[in-house]
C-alpha atoms as a PDB file:
ATOM      1  CA  UNK A   1     -99.477 129.779 131.563  1.00  0.00           C
ATOM      2  CA  UNK A   2     -98.043 126.337 131.012  1.00  0.00           C
ATOM      3  CA  UNK A   3     -94.338 125.874 130.416  1.00  0.00           C
ATOM      4  CA  UNK A   4     -92.725 123.035 128.563  1.00  0.00           C
ATOM      5  CA  UNK A   5     -89.207 121.666 128.683  1.00  0.00           C
ATOM      6  CA  UNK A   6     -88.643 123.257 125.293  1.00  0.00           C
ATOM      7  CA  UNK A   7     -89.552 126.672 126.731  1.00  0.00           C
ATOM      8  CA  UNK A   8     -86.971 126.239 129.494  1.00  0.00           C
ATOM      9  CA  UNK A   9     -84.333 125.089 127.010  1.00  0.00           C
ATOM     10  CA  UNK A  10     -85.111 128.084 124.790  1.00  0.00           C
ATOM     11  CA  UNK A  11     -84.798 130.563 127.683  1.00  0.00           C
ATOM     12  CA  UNK A  12     -81.570 128.872 128.795  1.00  0.00           C
ATOM     13  CA  UNK A  13     -80.198 129.193 125.278  1.00  0.00           C
ATOM     14  CA  UNK A  14     -81.144 132.887 125.129  1.00  0.00           C
ATOM     15  CA  UNK A  15     -79.397 133.422 128.466  1.00  0.00           C
ATOM     16  CA  UNK A  16     -76.406 131.401 127.241  1.00  0.00           C
ATOM     17  CA  UNK A  17     -76.848 128.903 130.072  1.00  0.00           C
ATOM     18  CA  UNK A  18     -76.228 125.221 129.767  1.00  0.00           C
ATOM     19  CA  UNK A  19     -78.706 123.074 131.649  1.00  0.00           C
ATOM     20  CA  UNK A  20     -78.262 119.342 131.745  1.00  0.00           C
ATOM     21  CA  UNK A  21     -81.136 117.049 130.787  1.00  0.00           C
ATOM     22  CA  UNK A  22     -81.268 115.900 134.399  1.00  0.00           C
ATOM     23  CA  UNK A  23     -81.922 119.465 135.596  1.00  0.00           C
ATOM     24  CA  UNK A  24     -84.509 120.433 132.949  1.00  0.00           C
ATOM     25  CA  UNK A  25     -87.381 118.786 134.840  1.00  0.00           C
ATOM     26  CA  UNK A  26     -86.516 120.596 138.079  1.00  0.00           C
ATOM     27  CA  UNK A  27     -86.118 123.971 136.331  1.00  0.00           C
ATOM     28  CA  UNK A  28     -89.431 123.466 134.534  1.00  0.00           C
ATOM     29  CA  UNK A  29     -91.164 122.714 137.828  1.00  0.00           C
ATOM     30  CA  UNK A  30     -89.532 125.706 139.561  1.00  0.00           C
ATOM     31  CA  UNK A  31     -90.439 128.116 136.758  1.00  0.00           C
ATOM     32  CA  UNK A  32     -94.042 126.886 136.754  1.00  0.00           C
ATOM     33  CA  UNK A  33     -94.225 127.571 140.507  1.00  0.00           C
ATOM     34  CA  UNK A  34     -92.802 131.080 140.050  1.00  0.00           C
ATOM     35  CA  UNK A  35     -95.257 131.886 137.261  1.00  0.00           C
ATOM     36  CA  UNK A  36     -98.114 130.510 139.366  1.00  0.00           C
ATOM     37  CA  UNK A  37     -97.121 132.808 142.269  1.00  0.00           C
ATOM     38  CA  UNK A  38     -97.022 135.820 139.936  1.00  0.00           C
ATOM     39  CA  UNK A  39    -100.456 134.920 138.557  1.00  0.00           C
ATOM     40  CA  UNK A  40    -101.796 134.776 142.135  1.00  0.00           C
ATOM     41  CA  UNK A  41    -100.322 138.209 142.875  1.00  0.00           C
ATOM     42  CA  UNK A  42    -101.966 139.636 139.752  1.00  0.00           C
ATOM     43  CA  UNK A  43    -105.356 138.698 141.219  1.00  0.00           C
ATOM     44  CA  UNK A  44    -104.871 140.773 144.375  1.00  0.00           C
ATOM     45  CA  UNK A  45    -107.069 143.866 144.483  1.00  0.00           C
ATOM     46  CA  UNK A  46    -104.773 146.832 145.019  1.00  0.00           C
ATOM     47  CA  UNK A  47    -107.414 149.505 144.565  1.00  0.00           C
ATOM     48  CA  UNK A  48    -106.754 152.344 146.980  1.00  0.00           C
ATOM     49  CA  UNK A  49    -103.301 151.079 147.925  1.00  0.00           C
ATOM     50  CA  UNK A  50    -100.678 153.792 147.736  1.00  0.00           C
ATOM     51  CA  UNK A  51     -97.884 153.274 145.263  1.00  0.00           C
ATOM     52  CA  UNK A  52     -94.698 152.043 146.917  1.00  0.00           C
ATOM     53  CA  UNK A  53     -91.543 153.173 145.191  1.00  0.00           C
ATOM     54  CA  UNK A  54     -89.134 152.484 148.026  1.00  0.00           C
ATOM     55  CA  UNK A  55     -89.131 150.085 150.971  1.00  0.00           C
ATOM     56  CA  UNK A  56     -87.899 152.701 153.416  1.00  0.00           C
ATOM     57  CA  UNK A  57     -89.215 156.164 154.109  1.00  0.00           C
ATOM     58  CA  UNK A  58     -86.928 158.576 152.344  1.00  0.00           C
ATOM     59  CA  UNK A  59     -86.067 161.633 154.359  1.00  0.00           C
ATOM     60  CA  UNK A  60     -83.053 163.824 154.815  1.00  0.00           C
ATOM     61  CA  UNK A  61     -81.180 162.649 157.898  1.00  0.00           C
ATOM     62  CA  UNK A  62     -78.283 165.042 157.509  1.00  0.00           C
ATOM     63  CA  UNK A  63     -77.701 167.925 159.857  1.00  0.00           C
ATOM     64  CA  UNK A  64     -77.504 171.517 158.726  1.00  0.00           C
ATOM     65  CA  UNK A  65     -74.036 172.782 157.844  1.00  0.00           C
ATOM     66  CA  UNK A  66     -72.685 175.052 160.516  1.00  0.00           C
ATOM     67  CA  UNK A  67     -69.615 177.196 160.048  1.00  0.00           C
ATOM     68  CA  UNK A  68     -67.170 176.926 162.903  1.00  0.00           C
ATOM     69  CA  UNK A  69     -63.827 178.549 163.351  1.00  0.00           C
ATOM     70  CA  UNK A  70     -62.092 175.715 165.137  1.00  0.00           C
ATOM     71  CA  UNK A  71     -58.459 175.855 164.210  1.00  0.00           C
ATOM     72  CA  UNK A  72     -56.847 173.770 166.917  1.00  0.00           C
ATOM     73  CA  UNK A  73     -53.839 172.214 165.201  1.00  0.00           C
ATOM     74  CA  UNK A  74     -53.096 169.818 168.077  1.00  0.00           C
ATOM     75  CA  UNK A  75     -56.686 168.543 168.022  1.00  0.00           C
ATOM     76  CA  UNK A  76     -56.557 168.003 164.247  1.00  0.00           C
ATOM     77  CA  UNK A  77     -53.188 166.232 164.380  1.00  0.00           C
ATOM     78  CA  UNK A  78     -54.569 163.655 166.821  1.00  0.00           C
ATOM     79  CA  UNK A  79     -56.373 162.098 163.843  1.00  0.00           C
ATOM     80  CA  UNK A  80     -53.378 161.588 161.544  1.00  0.00           C
ATOM     81  CA  UNK A  81     -51.132 158.507 161.575  1.00  0.00           C
ATOM     82  CA  UNK A  82     -47.859 160.459 161.337  1.00  0.00           C
ATOM     83  CA  UNK A  83     -46.865 164.078 161.738  1.00  0.00           C
ATOM     84  CA  UNK A  84     -43.689 166.115 161.747  1.00  0.00           C
ATOM     85  CA  UNK A  85     -43.113 169.666 162.967  1.00  0.00           C
ATOM     86  CA  UNK A  86     -46.840 170.325 163.366  1.00  0.00           C
ATOM     87  CA  UNK A  87     -47.698 169.164 159.840  1.00  0.00           C
ATOM     88  CA  UNK A  88     -49.246 166.004 158.454  1.00  0.00           C
ATOM     89  CA  UNK A  89     -46.560 163.677 157.145  1.00  0.00           C
ATOM     90  CA  UNK A  90     -47.418 161.819 153.936  1.00  0.00           C
ATOM     91  CA  UNK A  91     -45.415 159.376 151.808  1.00  0.00           C
ATOM     92  CA  UNK A  92     -43.250 160.856 149.067  1.00  0.00           C
ATOM     93  CA  UNK A  93     -45.103 160.959 145.756  1.00  0.00           C
ATOM     94  CA  UNK A  94     -42.177 161.662 143.431  1.00  0.00           C
ATOM     95  CA  UNK A  95     -38.742 160.153 143.398  1.00  0.00           C
ATOM     96  CA  UNK A  96     -35.593 162.224 142.922  1.00  0.00           C
ATOM     97  CA  UNK A  97     -35.534 165.933 142.306  1.00  0.00           C
ATOM     98  CA  UNK A  98     -35.215 168.570 144.974  1.00  0.00           C
ATOM     99  CA  UNK A  99     -37.156 168.512 148.183  1.00  0.00           C
ATOM    100  CA  UNK A 100     -39.121 171.531 149.276  1.00  0.00           C
END
């Protein structure tokens, strides 16, 4: 497939891109190279090649859920930034009113 400057200008207009006259020649050359590479890839015989839908093998890497009855308050509170009287301390969400 041969591209012309007009083709590049038309595609640029459809994409709402402004390309200067100085850049049209370079874009035309680049697009021709891209199309040429795609045409080469179309000639590759892929008979017997398995379909690739993902670049990585997809498998479940998560562990099974296990119920545990760990209820060590001191251990849990080691992970919070602030605590008070054995409870997690959080910033006030509402102003005014009574405090519980």
